Amino acid sequence: MPEREPTAPSYGIGAVARRFGLPAPTLRTWDQRYGLGPSLRTAGGHRRYTELDVRRIEEMHRLVRSGAPAAEAAEVALKILRPGSTTRSRETRRSAAGWDEPLYSAAQVARAALTLDSWFVTAALENWLRERGVADTWDHLVIPVFAAISRRQDDTGAGIDLEHLFSERVLAALAPLVERPAAPVCPRPVLLACAEEEQHSLPLFALAAALTVEHQVECRVMGARMPYDALADAIRRLAPVAVFLWSQQADTGDAAPLADLPRLRPACSLFAGGPGWRDLPAGVVHLRSLDDAIASICAVLR
């Protein structure tokens, strides 16, 4: 039943169509099929779009442009509630602007990456990081999207552009989180680096962001392709409580040089992550997941 709000701001179908560059028949179709129509009826019997209706149309338009099926886009758009409402579904969270934003699915983000919609990808990453935290975002959004992109590469031989765009957006979201905590839980930092020829550094930033934001651990990220002699110098200079090294590919996972890294007093724990490692030397612990890495590193801080 359309509501009566004679004093609320409202818009005719023509104004909404011009605002988003949509044909009026498209708006009528969205109204008839999905219930995304004007909810205000004036005293003269005319139907008008409220601010909430317009916000829903904006979201519907953005999702459809990113490649989402119309029915799925409408379902998400309809979950946007009126500012101040206390009835909220499990899939929505309150945004800083006051709207209830949907927590976008990995499938939606993958479709946005497919269309190179970096703005949608950025918004989704920020939403997930704010509402779910780093580890959950990595495990349930970032990894599934990368898997979808990899499947596309396997099926079509294309998709490097998608991988680069998504990687850049993930890095842009995670890197600012790696700051020195106001009150670190340990006076010694954790040092994170890639194996000598390894270029996949995103897992370092995911782990560092999770340790920083969620556990108040000071981290130093050295990034990709860290020469082992330079890593040894950094270990001597920083005296970290733990060192984490990442190898994504088998040709970067030669672990023999790890045995020659400096041994400190007090001790420095040495961890390796990623599927590339083989034949790790004694004393180097292979961590199999982000949660495993967080738990194991936090354990040595006590």
Protein backbone atom coordinates (compact mmCIF):
# COMPACT_ATOMS: atom_id res chain seq x y z
CA MET A 1 0.00 0.00 0.00
CA PRO A 2 1.57 3.34 -1.02
CA GLU A 3 2.20 5.61 1.93
CA ARG A 4 0.98 9.16 2.31
CA GLU A 5 3.71 11.65 3.19
CA PRO A 6 2.61 15.03 1.81
CA THR A 7 5.54 16.89 3.41
CA ALA A 8 8.32 14.50 2.35
CA PRO A 9 10.56 15.28 -0.65
CA SER A 10 9.31 13.35 -3.67
CA TYR A 11 10.05 12.94 -7.37
CA GLY A 12 8.11 12.06 -10.48
CA ILE A 13 9.12 9.24 -12.76
CA GLY A 14 10.54 11.65 -15.32
CA ALA A 15 12.88 13.25 -12.78
CA VAL A 16 14.14 9.87 -11.61
CA ALA A 17 14.62 8.67 -15.18
CA ARG A 18 16.68 11.76 -16.04
CA ARG A 19 18.72 11.48 -12.86
CA PHE A 20 20.00 8.00 -13.73
CA GLY A 21 19.77 8.13 -17.50
CA LEU A 22 17.12 5.40 -17.53
CA PRO A 23 14.11 5.11 -19.83
CA ALA A 24 10.84 5.60 -18.01
CA PRO A 25 9.58 2.20 -19.29
CA THR A 26 12.51 0.54 -17.49
CA LEU A 27 11.45 2.14 -14.22
CA ARG A 28 7.88 0.97 -14.78
CA THR A 29 9.15 -2.56 -15.43
CA TRP A 30 11.18 -2.51 -12.22
CA ASP A 31 8.07 -1.37 -10.39
CA GLN A 32 5.80 -4.06 -11.88
CA ARG A 33 8.22 -6.98 -11.67
CA TYR A 34 10.24 -6.28 -8.53
CA GLY A 35 8.29 -3.74 -6.47
CA LEU A 36 10.91 -1.03 -6.95
CA GLY A 37 8.49 1.77 -7.62
CA PRO A 38 7.16 4.99 -6.12
CA SER A 39 5.78 4.44 -2.64
CA LEU A 40 4.19 7.86 -2.05
CA ARG A 41 0.70 8.78 -3.27
CA THR A 42 -0.21 12.44 -3.24
CA ALA A 43 -3.59 13.86 -2.28
CA GLY A 44 -4.34 14.06 -6.01
CA GLY A 45 -3.66 10.36 -6.44
CA HIS A 46 -0.30 10.66 -8.20
CA ARG A 47 2.50 8.24 -7.33
CA ARG A 48 5.84 9.80 -6.40
CA TYR A 49 9.31 8.45 -5.55
CA THR A 50 10.54 9.18 -2.03
CA GLU A 51 14.21 9.59 -1.09
CA LEU A 52 14.26 5.95 -0.03
CA ASP A 53 12.75 4.87 -3.36
CA VAL A 54 15.41 6.84 -5.23
CA ARG A 55 18.18 5.29 -3.15
CA ARG A 56 16.86 1.84 -4.02
CA ILE A 57 16.69 2.72 -7.73
CA GLU A 58 20.27 3.99 -7.54
CA GLU A 59 21.41 0.69 -6.03
CA MET A 60 19.43 -1.35 -8.55
CA HIS A 61 20.94 0.65 -11.41
CA ARG A 62 24.48 0.21 -10.10
CA LEU A 63 24.14 -3.54 -9.59
CA VAL A 64 22.60 -4.11 -13.02
CA ARG A 65 25.38 -2.10 -14.65
CA SER A 66 27.94 -4.24 -12.81
CA GLY A 67 26.46 -7.39 -14.35
CA ALA A 68 24.10 -8.61 -11.63
CA PRO A 69 20.86 -10.28 -12.77
CA ALA A 70 17.94 -7.90 -12.41
CA ALA A 71 16.04 -10.10 -9.96
CA GLU A 72 19.08 -10.47 -7.71
CA ALA A 73 19.86 -6.75 -7.93
CA ALA A 74 16.27 -5.92 -6.95
CA GLU A 75 16.44 -8.26 -3.96
CA VAL A 76 19.53 -6.45 -2.70
CA ALA A 77 18.12 -2.98 -3.40
CA LEU A 78 14.91 -3.72 -1.51
CA LYS A 79 16.94 -4.55 1.62
CA ILE A 80 17.95 -0.90 1.92
CA LEU A 81 15.84 0.43 4.77
CA ARG A 82 14.68 3.83 5.81
CA PRO A 83 17.27 5.76 7.88
CA GLY A 84 16.52 5.20 11.56
CA SER A 85 14.67 1.94 11.01
CA THR A 86 15.33 -0.71 13.63
CA THR A 87 14.25 -3.62 11.43
CA ARG A 88 17.36 -4.85 9.63
CA SER A 89 18.07 -8.12 7.89
CA ARG A 90 21.16 -10.22 8.64
CA GLU A 91 22.59 -9.28 5.23
CA THR A 92 22.61 -5.51 5.81
CA ARG A 93 24.70 -3.20 7.96
CA ARG A 94 24.44 0.49 8.88
CA SER A 95 26.68 2.70 6.75
CA ALA A 96 28.41 5.85 7.94
CA ALA A 97 26.01 7.88 5.83
CA GLY A 98 23.00 6.48 7.65
CA TRP A 99 21.71 4.05 5.02
CA ASP A 100 21.53 0.30 5.59
CA GLU A 101 23.98 -1.04 3.03
CA PRO A 102 23.90 -4.60 1.68
CA LEU A 103 26.89 -6.77 2.47
CA TYR A 104 27.72 -7.61 -1.13
CA SER A 105 28.30 -11.24 -2.05
CA ALA A 106 31.46 -12.62 -3.62
CA ALA A 107 29.45 -13.33 -6.78
CA GLN A 108 28.40 -9.69 -7.04
CA VAL A 109 31.95 -8.46 -6.51
CA ALA A 110 33.28 -10.93 -9.08
CA ARG A 111 30.75 -9.61 -11.61
CA ALA A 112 31.84 -6.06 -10.81
CA ALA A 113 35.46 -7.06 -11.41
CA LEU A 114 34.36 -8.61 -14.71
CA THR A 115 33.10 -5.20 -15.86
CA LEU A 116 36.18 -3.47 -14.37
CA ASP A 117 33.90 -1.54 -11.99
CA SER A 118 36.60 -0.55 -9.52
CA TRP A 119 34.22 1.76 -7.62
CA PHE A 120 31.84 -1.09 -6.81
CA VAL A 121 34.74 -3.35 -5.82
CA THR A 122 36.14 -0.65 -3.54
CA ALA A 123 32.78 -0.04 -1.86
CA ALA A 124 32.26 -3.76 -1.28
CA LEU A 125 35.73 -4.24 0.22
CA GLU A 126 35.31 -1.26 2.52
CA ASN A 127 31.89 -2.52 3.59
CA TRP A 128 33.18 -6.01 4.38
CA LEU A 129 36.28 -4.75 6.22
CA ARG A 130 34.19 -2.40 8.32
CA GLU A 131 31.51 -4.94 9.19
CA ARG A 132 33.28 -8.32 9.17
CA GLY A 133 36.95 -7.55 9.81
CA VAL A 134 40.08 -8.45 7.88
CA ALA A 135 40.22 -12.22 8.31
CA ASP A 136 36.56 -12.79 7.40
CA THR A 137 36.83 -10.46 4.40
CA TRP A 138 39.91 -12.31 3.17
CA ASP A 139 38.45 -15.80 3.61
CA HIS A 140 34.88 -15.18 2.46
CA LEU A 141 35.18 -12.37 -0.09
CA VAL A 142 38.71 -11.96 -1.44
CA ILE A 143 39.60 -15.64 -1.84
CA PRO A 144 36.27 -16.58 -3.52
CA VAL A 145 36.55 -13.64 -5.94
CA PHE A 146 40.09 -14.62 -6.88
CA ALA A 147 38.85 -18.19 -7.39
CA ALA A 148 36.12 -16.94 -9.72
CA ILE A 149 38.64 -14.91 -11.70
CA SER A 150 40.95 -17.93 -11.94
CA ARG A 151 38.09 -20.08 -13.25
CA ARG A 152 37.45 -17.49 -15.94
CA GLN A 153 41.12 -17.54 -16.89
CA ASP A 154 41.04 -21.34 -17.12
CA ASP A 155 37.85 -21.34 -19.19
CA THR A 156 38.61 -18.49 -21.59
CA GLY A 157 42.33 -17.82 -21.39
CA ALA A 158 41.50 -14.20 -20.49
CA GLY A 159 41.14 -12.32 -17.23
CA ILE A 160 44.57 -10.97 -16.32
CA ASP A 161 43.07 -7.47 -16.42
CA LEU A 162 40.42 -8.55 -13.89
CA GLU A 163 43.05 -10.06 -11.61
CA HIS A 164 45.15 -6.90 -11.73
CA LEU A 165 42.21 -4.60 -11.03
CA PHE A 166 40.96 -6.69 -8.11
CA SER A 167 44.46 -7.12 -6.67
CA GLU A 168 45.06 -3.38 -6.83
CA ARG A 169 41.76 -2.64 -5.08
CA VAL A 170 42.43 -5.20 -2.35
CA LEU A 171 45.90 -3.77 -1.75
CA ALA A 172 44.50 -0.23 -1.64
CA ALA A 173 41.98 -1.34 1.00
CA LEU A 174 44.41 -3.29 3.19
CA ALA A 175 47.62 -1.25 3.09
CA PRO A 176 46.26 1.78 5.01
CA LEU A 177 45.28 -0.53 7.87
CA VAL A 178 48.89 -1.50 8.54
CA GLU A 179 49.87 1.29 10.92
CA ARG A 180 51.74 1.30 14.20
CA PRO A 181 49.21 0.57 16.98
CA ALA A 182 48.89 3.17 19.70
CA ALA A 183 49.67 0.51 22.33
CA PRO A 184 51.33 -2.55 20.72
CA VAL A 185 50.87 -5.79 22.61
CA CYS A 186 54.58 -6.55 22.14
CA PRO A 187 57.54 -4.14 21.95
CA ARG A 188 59.08 -6.20 19.14
CA PRO A 189 57.47 -6.10 15.69
CA VAL A 190 56.49 -8.90 13.33
CA LEU A 191 58.39 -8.86 10.03
CA LEU A 192 56.57 -10.02 6.89
CA ALA A 193 58.14 -10.57 3.48
CA CYS A 194 57.88 -12.62 0.30
CA ALA A 195 60.41 -15.21 -0.76
CA GLU A 196 63.27 -13.89 -2.86
CA GLU A 197 61.57 -14.12 -6.28
CA GLU A 198 57.94 -14.19 -5.11
CA GLN A 199 55.77 -11.33 -6.38
CA HIS A 200 52.41 -12.19 -4.76
CA SER A 201 52.44 -9.95 -1.71
CA LEU A 202 48.71 -9.52 -0.98
CA PRO A 203 48.67 -12.29 1.67
CA LEU A 204 51.32 -10.33 3.61
CA PHE A 205 49.06 -7.29 3.76
CA ALA A 206 46.05 -9.39 4.75
CA LEU A 207 47.97 -10.93 7.65
CA ALA A 208 49.56 -7.63 8.69
CA ALA A 209 46.21 -5.82 8.58
CA ALA A 210 44.53 -8.52 10.66
CA LEU A 211 47.33 -8.50 13.23
CA THR A 212 47.35 -4.69 13.39
CA VAL A 213 43.64 -3.95 13.49
CA GLU A 214 42.33 -6.96 15.39
CA HIS A 215 45.26 -7.79 17.70
CA GLN A 216 47.28 -4.55 18.09
CA VAL A 217 50.49 -6.12 16.77
CA GLU A 218 53.13 -3.88 15.22
CA CYS A 219 54.02 -5.18 11.74
CA ARG A 220 56.65 -4.30 9.16
CA VAL A 221 55.79 -5.44 5.64
CA MET A 222 58.83 -5.72 3.35
CA GLY A 223 56.79 -6.72 0.30
CA ALA A 224 57.59 -8.78 -2.77
CA ARG A 225 60.87 -10.33 -3.94
CA MET A 226 62.85 -9.84 -0.75
CA PRO A 227 66.51 -10.88 -1.23
CA TYR A 228 67.56 -13.18 1.57
CA ASP A 229 70.69 -11.18 2.40
CA ALA A 230 68.57 -8.04 2.76
CA LEU A 231 66.06 -10.00 4.86
CA ALA A 232 68.90 -11.13 7.13
CA ASP A 233 70.01 -7.52 7.58
CA ALA A 234 66.44 -6.47 8.42
CA ILE A 235 66.15 -9.24 11.00
CA ARG A 236 69.36 -8.12 12.72
CA ARG A 237 68.30 -4.46 12.73
CA LEU A 238 64.68 -4.91 13.83
CA ALA A 239 65.05 -7.92 16.15
CA PRO A 240 61.46 -9.00 15.38
CA VAL A 241 59.54 -11.36 17.60
CA ALA A 242 58.49 -13.31 14.50
CA VAL A 243 59.23 -13.47 10.78
CA PHE A 244 56.62 -14.59 8.26
CA LEU A 245 57.67 -15.48 4.70
CA TRP A 246 55.29 -16.12 1.81
CA SER A 247 55.77 -18.31 -1.28
CA GLN A 248 52.88 -18.66 -3.71
CA GLN A 249 54.60 -20.65 -6.45
CA ALA A 250 56.80 -23.73 -6.42
CA ASP A 251 59.65 -21.99 -8.26
CA THR A 252 59.96 -19.45 -5.41
CA GLY A 253 59.68 -21.99 -2.59
CA ASP A 254 63.31 -23.07 -2.19
CA ALA A 255 63.55 -23.17 1.59
CA ALA A 256 67.28 -23.91 1.90
CA PRO A 257 68.23 -20.22 2.46
CA LEU A 258 65.88 -20.06 5.46
CA ALA A 259 68.30 -22.20 7.46
CA ASP A 260 70.92 -19.46 7.16
CA LEU A 261 68.77 -16.63 8.50
CA PRO A 262 70.06 -15.05 11.74
CA ARG A 263 69.12 -16.63 15.06
CA LEU A 264 68.40 -13.98 17.65
CA ARG A 265 68.42 -13.74 21.42
CA PRO A 266 65.74 -13.42 22.61
CA ALA A 267 64.45 -15.88 20.04
CA CYS A 268 62.68 -14.96 16.84
CA SER A 269 60.04 -17.40 15.59
CA LEU A 270 60.20 -18.20 11.88
CA PHE A 271 57.01 -18.99 9.98
CA ALA A 272 56.36 -19.81 6.33
CA GLY A 273 53.05 -19.47 4.50
CA GLY A 274 51.78 -20.31 1.05
CA PRO A 275 51.66 -23.40 -1.19
CA GLY A 276 55.07 -22.83 -2.78
CA TRP A 277 57.30 -24.03 0.05
CA ARG A 278 58.96 -27.44 0.03
CA ASP A 279 61.33 -29.17 2.48
CA LEU A 280 61.24 -26.52 5.19
CA PRO A 281 64.24 -26.69 7.55
CA ALA A 282 63.86 -27.60 11.21
CA GLY A 283 62.43 -24.81 13.31
CA VAL A 284 60.41 -23.22 10.48
CA VAL A 285 56.66 -23.67 11.01
CA HIS A 286 54.45 -23.92 7.91
CA LEU A 287 51.15 -22.09 8.45
CA ARG A 288 48.25 -23.30 6.29
CA SER A 289 45.68 -20.51 6.54
CA LEU A 290 45.21 -16.91 7.60
CA ASP A 291 43.51 -17.96 10.82
CA ASP A 292 46.37 -20.37 11.52
CA ALA A 293 48.90 -17.60 10.92
CA ILE A 294 47.10 -15.15 13.19
CA ALA A 295 46.76 -17.67 16.01
CA SER A 296 50.35 -18.93 15.75
CA ILE A 297 51.93 -15.48 15.65
CA CYS A 298 49.77 -14.18 18.50
CA ALA A 299 50.79 -17.22 20.54
CA VAL A 300 54.49 -16.26 20.42
CA LEU A 301 53.71 -12.74 21.64
CA ARG A 302 52.56 -13.95 25.05
